[in-house]
Amino acid sequence: MSIFCIGGPEGVIVPEHELKFTPDEDRYFLPGIIHGSEDYLIQAYYWSNDEGPKGDRIGLKYLHAEHILAWAEESTDNHGHLDTECFEELINEEAEEFVIENDGDGEFCSLNEVWDKSVNLDYEDIINWAKEKMKV
């Protein structure tokens, strides 16, 4: 089952004063925090188009361990230095991505409820997680 079918209270539009999200900050859900995320990290970020609560959005990307390691390898120079801009570009171009809208289908509300379980990771943390997951 996918994260995007996690359900939640139907018909609930989360008002601005109840949002737990921080704009312009990538957050990560470790495996098992959200139903369906047992084998990958979920990168999440919030933005609003300033049209009230229905303009609120959460972007979600699946980050599978094998993809993370491939992107890291492609973004690392001959001296072993990670080019973080290249790594980020590969994530943005290649990771499977979905957008959840604050439209009352329940999933935005459910993500708001578990947002405090997300963590702040840097790219080295993500790569180390993938190495551990793949036993590299």
N, C-alpha and C. Protein backbone atom coordinates (compact mmCIF):
# COMPACT_ATOMS: atom_id res chain seq x y z
N MET A 1 0.85 -1.18 0.00
CA MET A 1 0.00 0.00 0.00
C MET A 1 0.89 1.23 0.00
N SER A 2 0.43 2.25 -0.62
CA SER A 2 1.21 3.48 -0.78
C SER A 2 0.87 4.50 0.30
N ILE A 3 1.81 5.36 0.58
CA ILE A 3 1.58 6.48 1.50
C ILE A 3 0.39 7.31 1.05
N PHE A 4 0.16 7.36 -0.23
CA PHE A 4 -0.84 8.27 -0.77
C PHE A 4 -2.24 7.71 -0.66
N CYS A 5 -2.34 6.59 0.06
CA CYS A 5 -3.65 6.01 0.37
C CYS A 5 -3.75 5.80 1.88
N ILE A 6 -3.11 6.66 2.66
CA ILE A 6 -3.10 6.46 4.10
C ILE A 6 -4.39 6.91 4.75
N GLY A 7 -5.20 7.61 4.01
CA GLY A 7 -6.50 8.01 4.54
C GLY A 7 -6.40 9.11 5.57
N GLY A 8 -7.40 9.20 6.38
CA GLY A 8 -7.49 10.25 7.37
C GLY A 8 -8.91 10.76 7.41
N PRO A 9 -9.16 11.73 8.24
CA PRO A 9 -10.53 12.24 8.37
C PRO A 9 -11.01 12.94 7.10
N GLU A 10 -11.96 12.34 6.42
CA GLU A 10 -12.50 12.90 5.18
C GLU A 10 -13.17 14.25 5.43
N GLY A 11 -13.00 15.14 4.49
CA GLY A 11 -13.68 16.44 4.56
C GLY A 11 -13.00 17.48 5.43
N VAL A 12 -11.86 17.14 6.03
CA VAL A 12 -11.18 18.09 6.92
C VAL A 12 -10.16 18.89 6.12
N ILE A 13 -10.34 20.19 6.07
CA ILE A 13 -9.36 21.11 5.52
C ILE A 13 -8.59 21.66 6.72
N VAL A 14 -7.28 21.47 6.75
CA VAL A 14 -6.48 21.89 7.91
C VAL A 14 -6.32 23.41 7.86
N PRO A 15 -6.84 24.11 8.90
CA PRO A 15 -6.69 25.58 8.91
C PRO A 15 -5.24 25.99 9.18
N GLU A 16 -4.90 27.18 8.74
CA GLU A 16 -3.52 27.67 8.84
C GLU A 16 -2.98 27.60 10.26
N HIS A 17 -3.79 27.94 11.26
CA HIS A 17 -3.29 27.96 12.64
C HIS A 17 -3.00 26.57 13.20
N GLU A 18 -3.41 25.51 12.49
CA GLU A 18 -3.13 24.14 12.94
C GLU A 18 -2.00 23.46 12.17
N LEU A 19 -1.41 24.16 11.21
CA LEU A 19 -0.33 23.57 10.43
C LEU A 19 0.92 23.37 11.26
N LYS A 20 1.54 22.23 11.12
CA LYS A 20 2.80 21.94 11.81
C LYS A 20 4.00 22.09 10.88
N PHE A 21 3.77 22.31 9.61
CA PHE A 21 4.82 22.36 8.60
C PHE A 21 5.66 23.61 8.69
N THR A 22 6.90 23.49 8.26
CA THR A 22 7.80 24.63 8.16
C THR A 22 8.10 24.84 6.67
N PRO A 23 7.74 26.00 6.13
CA PRO A 23 8.03 26.24 4.71
C PRO A 23 9.53 26.23 4.42
N ASP A 24 9.88 25.86 3.22
CA ASP A 24 11.27 25.90 2.73
C ASP A 24 12.23 25.04 3.53
N GLU A 25 11.73 23.95 4.09
CA GLU A 25 12.60 23.04 4.81
C GLU A 25 12.24 21.61 4.43
N ASP A 26 13.19 20.88 3.88
CA ASP A 26 12.95 19.47 3.59
C ASP A 26 12.98 18.71 4.90
N ARG A 27 12.01 17.83 5.05
CA ARG A 27 11.96 16.94 6.21
C ARG A 27 11.92 15.52 5.67
N TYR A 28 12.25 14.56 6.51
CA TYR A 28 12.31 13.18 6.08
C TYR A 28 11.56 12.30 7.07
N PHE A 29 10.81 11.36 6.51
CA PHE A 29 10.16 10.33 7.30
C PHE A 29 10.96 9.05 7.15
N LEU A 30 11.44 8.53 8.27
CA LEU A 30 12.18 7.28 8.27
C LEU A 30 11.20 6.14 8.01
N PRO A 31 11.71 4.99 7.56
CA PRO A 31 10.82 3.86 7.29
C PRO A 31 9.95 3.52 8.50
N GLY A 32 8.69 3.20 8.19
CA GLY A 32 7.75 2.77 9.22
C GLY A 32 6.97 3.86 9.90
N ILE A 33 7.32 5.12 9.70
CA ILE A 33 6.59 6.22 10.34
C ILE A 33 5.24 6.40 9.67
N ILE A 34 5.23 6.30 8.36
CA ILE A 34 4.00 6.43 7.58
C ILE A 34 3.72 5.08 6.95
N HIS A 35 2.49 4.65 7.00
CA HIS A 35 2.12 3.36 6.42
C HIS A 35 2.57 3.30 4.96
N GLY A 36 3.22 2.23 4.60
CA GLY A 36 3.68 2.06 3.23
C GLY A 36 5.12 2.47 3.01
N SER A 37 5.79 2.96 4.05
CA SER A 37 7.16 3.46 3.85
C SER A 37 8.20 2.57 4.51
N GLU A 38 8.01 1.27 4.44
CA GLU A 38 8.91 0.36 5.13
C GLU A 38 10.30 0.24 4.50
N ASP A 39 10.39 0.53 3.20
CA ASP A 39 11.64 0.26 2.49
C ASP A 39 12.33 1.49 1.93
N TYR A 40 11.89 2.67 2.27
CA TYR A 40 12.48 3.87 1.69
C TYR A 40 12.26 5.06 2.60
N LEU A 41 13.06 6.09 2.40
CA LEU A 41 12.84 7.37 3.08
C LEU A 41 11.81 8.15 2.27
N ILE A 42 11.10 9.02 2.94
CA ILE A 42 10.20 9.93 2.25
C ILE A 42 10.66 11.34 2.54
N GLN A 43 11.04 12.04 1.49
CA GLN A 43 11.40 13.45 1.60
C GLN A 43 10.09 14.24 1.48
N ALA A 44 9.87 15.16 2.39
CA ALA A 44 8.63 15.94 2.38
C ALA A 44 8.96 17.42 2.51
N TYR A 45 8.18 18.23 1.82
CA TYR A 45 8.35 19.68 1.91
C TYR A 45 6.98 20.33 1.70
N TYR A 46 6.81 21.44 2.36
CA TYR A 46 5.53 22.16 2.36
C TYR A 46 5.67 23.47 1.61
N TRP A 47 4.62 23.85 0.90
CA TRP A 47 4.54 25.20 0.33
C TRP A 47 3.08 25.59 0.19
N SER A 48 2.86 26.87 0.03
CA SER A 48 1.51 27.41 -0.11
C SER A 48 1.48 28.39 -1.27
N ASN A 49 0.37 28.42 -1.97
CA ASN A 49 0.22 29.41 -3.04
C ASN A 49 -0.53 30.64 -2.54
N ASP A 50 -0.64 30.77 -1.22
CA ASP A 50 -1.24 31.93 -0.56
C ASP A 50 -2.70 32.15 -0.94
N GLU A 51 -3.41 31.07 -1.23
CA GLU A 51 -4.84 31.18 -1.52
C GLU A 51 -5.67 30.60 -0.38
N GLY A 52 -5.18 30.73 0.85
CA GLY A 52 -5.88 30.16 1.99
C GLY A 52 -5.52 28.70 2.17
N PRO A 53 -6.19 28.02 3.09
CA PRO A 53 -5.84 26.63 3.39
C PRO A 53 -5.86 25.70 2.18
N LYS A 54 -6.78 25.91 1.25
CA LYS A 54 -6.83 25.02 0.09
C LYS A 54 -5.64 25.21 -0.84
N GLY A 55 -4.85 26.23 -0.61
CA GLY A 55 -3.64 26.44 -1.40
C GLY A 55 -2.41 25.77 -0.81
N ASP A 56 -2.55 25.11 0.33
CA ASP A 56 -1.43 24.44 0.99
C ASP A 56 -1.15 23.11 0.30
N ARG A 57 0.14 22.80 0.16
CA ARG A 57 0.58 21.58 -0.52
C ARG A 57 1.75 20.96 0.23
N ILE A 58 1.85 19.64 0.10
CA ILE A 58 3.02 18.91 0.58
C ILE A 58 3.54 18.09 -0.58
N GLY A 59 4.81 18.29 -0.92
CA GLY A 59 5.46 17.47 -1.93
C GLY A 59 6.16 16.31 -1.24
N LEU A 60 6.05 15.13 -1.81
CA LEU A 60 6.64 13.93 -1.23
C LEU A 60 7.43 13.19 -2.30
N LYS A 61 8.63 12.75 -1.92
CA LYS A 61 9.47 11.99 -2.84
C LYS A 61 9.88 10.68 -2.18
N TYR A 62 9.76 9.60 -2.93
CA TYR A 62 10.28 8.31 -2.48
C TYR A 62 11.78 8.29 -2.72
N LEU A 63 12.55 7.99 -1.68
CA LEU A 63 14.00 7.87 -1.82
C LEU A 63 14.41 6.45 -1.44
N HIS A 64 14.52 5.59 -2.45
CA HIS A 64 14.91 4.20 -2.25
C HIS A 64 16.42 4.13 -2.08
N ALA A 65 16.87 3.24 -1.23
CA ALA A 65 18.29 3.13 -0.90
C ALA A 65 19.16 2.94 -2.13
N GLU A 66 18.75 2.05 -3.05
CA GLU A 66 19.60 1.79 -4.22
C GLU A 66 19.70 3.02 -5.12
N HIS A 67 18.63 3.82 -5.19
CA HIS A 67 18.68 5.05 -5.97
C HIS A 67 19.58 6.09 -5.31
N ILE A 68 19.47 6.20 -4.00
CA ILE A 68 20.31 7.15 -3.25
C ILE A 68 21.78 6.85 -3.51
N LEU A 69 22.15 5.57 -3.44
CA LEU A 69 23.56 5.21 -3.65
C LEU A 69 24.00 5.48 -5.08
N ALA A 70 23.13 5.25 -6.04
CA ALA A 70 23.47 5.52 -7.44
C ALA A 70 23.64 7.03 -7.65
N TRP A 71 22.75 7.82 -7.08
CA TRP A 71 22.85 9.29 -7.21
C TRP A 71 24.12 9.80 -6.52
N ALA A 72 24.44 9.22 -5.37
CA ALA A 72 25.65 9.62 -4.65
C ALA A 72 26.89 9.30 -5.46
N GLU A 73 26.92 8.12 -6.06
CA GLU A 73 28.07 7.74 -6.88
C GLU A 73 28.24 8.69 -8.07
N GLU A 74 27.13 9.01 -8.70
CA GLU A 74 27.17 9.92 -9.85
C GLU A 74 27.59 11.33 -9.45
N SER A 75 27.33 11.69 -8.21
CA SER A 75 27.61 13.05 -7.72
C SER A 75 28.93 13.18 -6.99
N THR A 76 29.70 12.12 -6.93
CA THR A 76 30.97 12.13 -6.20
C THR A 76 32.14 12.19 -7.18
N ASP A 77 33.07 13.09 -6.92
CA ASP A 77 34.21 13.24 -7.82
C ASP A 77 35.27 12.18 -7.53
N ASN A 78 36.35 12.20 -8.30
CA ASN A 78 37.43 11.21 -8.16
C ASN A 78 38.14 11.28 -6.82
N HIS A 79 37.99 12.39 -6.10
CA HIS A 79 38.63 12.56 -4.78
C HIS A 79 37.69 12.19 -3.64
N GLY A 80 36.50 11.72 -3.96
CA GLY A 80 35.55 11.30 -2.94
C GLY A 80 34.69 12.40 -2.36
N HIS A 81 34.66 13.57 -3.01
CA HIS A 81 33.86 14.68 -2.52
C HIS A 81 32.49 14.69 -3.19
N LEU A 82 31.45 14.75 -2.36
CA LEU A 82 30.09 14.78 -2.86
C LEU A 82 29.73 16.18 -3.33
N ASP A 83 29.25 16.28 -4.55
CA ASP A 83 28.73 17.53 -5.08
C ASP A 83 27.26 17.57 -4.69
N THR A 84 26.95 18.30 -3.63
CA THR A 84 25.58 18.30 -3.10
C THR A 84 24.57 18.90 -4.07
N GLU A 85 25.00 19.86 -4.88
CA GLU A 85 24.08 20.43 -5.87
C GLU A 85 23.70 19.39 -6.92
N CYS A 86 24.65 18.62 -7.36
CA CYS A 86 24.40 17.56 -8.33
C CYS A 86 23.49 16.49 -7.71
N PHE A 87 23.78 16.10 -6.47
CA PHE A 87 22.99 15.09 -5.77
C PHE A 87 21.54 15.56 -5.64
N GLU A 88 21.36 16.80 -5.23
CA GLU A 88 20.01 17.36 -5.09
C GLU A 88 19.29 17.40 -6.44
N GLU A 89 20.02 17.76 -7.47
CA GLU A 89 19.42 17.81 -8.81
C GLU A 89 18.96 16.42 -9.25
N LEU A 90 19.74 15.40 -8.96
CA LEU A 90 19.35 14.04 -9.31
C LEU A 90 18.11 13.60 -8.53
N ILE A 91 18.05 13.94 -7.26
CA ILE A 91 16.84 13.64 -6.49
C ILE A 91 15.64 14.33 -7.12
N ASN A 92 15.79 15.60 -7.42
CA ASN A 92 14.66 16.37 -7.97
C ASN A 92 14.23 15.86 -9.34
N GLU A 93 15.17 15.37 -10.13
CA GLU A 93 14.84 14.89 -11.47
C GLU A 93 14.36 13.45 -11.51
N GLU A 94 14.87 12.61 -10.61
CA GLU A 94 14.66 11.18 -10.77
C GLU A 94 13.78 10.52 -9.71
N ALA A 95 13.62 11.12 -8.55
CA ALA A 95 12.80 10.48 -7.51
C ALA A 95 11.32 10.55 -7.87
N GLU A 96 10.62 9.50 -7.56
CA GLU A 96 9.17 9.49 -7.75
C GLU A 96 8.57 10.51 -6.79
N GLU A 97 7.74 11.40 -7.31
CA GLU A 97 7.22 12.52 -6.52
C GLU A 97 5.71 12.63 -6.64
N PHE A 98 5.08 13.00 -5.55
CA PHE A 98 3.65 13.21 -5.49
C PHE A 98 3.37 14.50 -4.72
N VAL A 99 2.24 15.08 -4.97
CA VAL A 99 1.81 16.28 -4.24
C VAL A 99 0.48 15.96 -3.55
N ILE A 100 0.43 16.30 -2.29
CA ILE A 100 -0.78 16.13 -1.50
C ILE A 100 -1.34 17.52 -1.23
N GLU A 101 -2.59 17.73 -1.58
CA GLU A 101 -3.23 19.03 -1.41
C GLU A 101 -4.11 19.02 -0.16
N ASN A 102 -4.29 20.19 0.40
CA ASN A 102 -5.15 20.37 1.56
C ASN A 102 -6.60 20.48 1.06
N ASP A 103 -7.08 19.37 0.51
CA ASP A 103 -8.38 19.38 -0.17
C ASP A 103 -9.45 18.57 0.54
N GLY A 104 -9.16 18.09 1.73
CA GLY A 104 -10.17 17.37 2.50
C GLY A 104 -10.21 15.89 2.25
N ASP A 105 -9.27 15.34 1.47
CA ASP A 105 -9.31 13.89 1.23
C ASP A 105 -8.74 13.10 2.40
N GLY A 106 -8.20 13.77 3.39
CA GLY A 106 -7.72 13.13 4.60
C GLY A 106 -6.22 12.94 4.66
N GLU A 107 -5.55 12.85 3.53
CA GLU A 107 -4.12 12.56 3.54
C GLU A 107 -3.29 13.75 4.01
N PHE A 108 -3.64 14.96 3.61
CA PHE A 108 -2.94 16.16 4.08
C PHE A 108 -3.07 16.26 5.60
N CYS A 109 -4.27 16.03 6.10
CA CYS A 109 -4.51 16.08 7.54
C CYS A 109 -3.67 15.03 8.27
N SER A 110 -3.61 13.81 7.72
CA SER A 110 -2.82 12.74 8.34
C SER A 110 -1.34 13.10 8.37
N LEU A 111 -0.83 13.68 7.28
CA LEU A 111 0.58 14.09 7.26
C LEU A 111 0.84 15.20 8.26
N ASN A 112 -0.10 16.12 8.41
CA ASN A 112 0.04 17.18 9.40
C ASN A 112 0.16 16.58 10.81
N GLU A 113 -0.61 15.53 11.08
CA GLU A 113 -0.61 14.90 12.39
C GLU A 113 0.72 14.22 12.72
N VAL A 114 1.41 13.69 11.70
CA VAL A 114 2.67 12.98 11.97
C VAL A 114 3.90 13.81 11.63
N TRP A 115 3.71 15.07 11.26
CA TRP A 115 4.85 15.91 10.85
C TRP A 115 5.93 15.98 11.92
N ASP A 116 5.53 15.99 13.19
CA ASP A 116 6.51 16.08 14.27
C ASP A 116 7.37 14.81 14.38
N LYS A 117 7.02 13.76 13.67
CA LYS A 117 7.83 12.54 13.65
C LYS A 117 8.85 12.56 12.50
N SER A 118 8.78 13.60 11.67
CA SER A 118 9.77 13.72 10.60
C SER A 118 11.07 14.24 11.19
N VAL A 119 12.16 14.01 10.46
CA VAL A 119 13.47 14.43 10.95
C VAL A 119 14.16 15.30 9.91
N ASN A 120 15.11 16.06 10.37
CA ASN A 120 15.93 16.90 9.49
C ASN A 120 17.22 16.13 9.22
N LEU A 121 17.47 15.78 7.97
CA LEU A 121 18.68 15.05 7.60
C LEU A 121 19.44 15.84 6.55
N ASP A 122 20.77 15.70 6.58
CA ASP A 122 21.54 16.27 5.47
C ASP A 122 21.83 15.12 4.50
N TYR A 123 22.44 15.45 3.37
CA TYR A 123 22.66 14.43 2.34
C TYR A 123 23.59 13.32 2.80
N GLU A 124 24.56 13.64 3.62
CA GLU A 124 25.45 12.60 4.14
C GLU A 124 24.65 11.61 5.00
N ASP A 125 23.72 12.11 5.80
CA ASP A 125 22.86 11.24 6.61
C ASP A 125 22.05 10.31 5.72
N ILE A 126 21.52 10.86 4.64
CA ILE A 126 20.69 10.08 3.72
C ILE A 126 21.53 8.98 3.06
N ILE A 127 22.71 9.34 2.64
CA ILE A 127 23.60 8.37 2.00
C ILE A 127 24.01 7.29 3.00
N ASN A 128 24.32 7.68 4.23
CA ASN A 128 24.68 6.69 5.26
C ASN A 128 23.51 5.75 5.56
N TRP A 129 22.29 6.29 5.58
CA TRP A 129 21.11 5.45 5.78
C TRP A 129 21.04 4.41 4.65
N ALA A 130 21.23 4.86 3.40
CA ALA A 130 21.15 3.96 2.25
C ALA A 130 22.25 2.88 2.32
N LYS A 131 23.45 3.28 2.71
CA LYS A 131 24.54 2.29 2.85
C LYS A 131 24.20 1.24 3.89
N GLU A 132 23.65 1.70 5.00
CA GLU A 132 23.27 0.75 6.06
C GLU A 132 22.15 -0.17 5.58
N LYS A 133 21.18 0.40 4.91
CA LYS A 133 20.04 -0.36 4.40
C LYS A 133 20.50 -1.42 3.40
N MET A 134 21.44 -1.05 2.53
CA MET A 134 21.94 -1.95 1.49
C MET A 134 23.13 -2.78 1.98
N LYS A 135 23.53 -2.57 3.23
CA LYS A 135 24.67 -3.28 3.84
C LYS A 135 25.94 -3.10 3.01
N VAL A 136 26.21 -1.83 2.65
CA VAL A 136 27.41 -1.50 1.86
C VAL A 136 28.53 -1.10 2.80
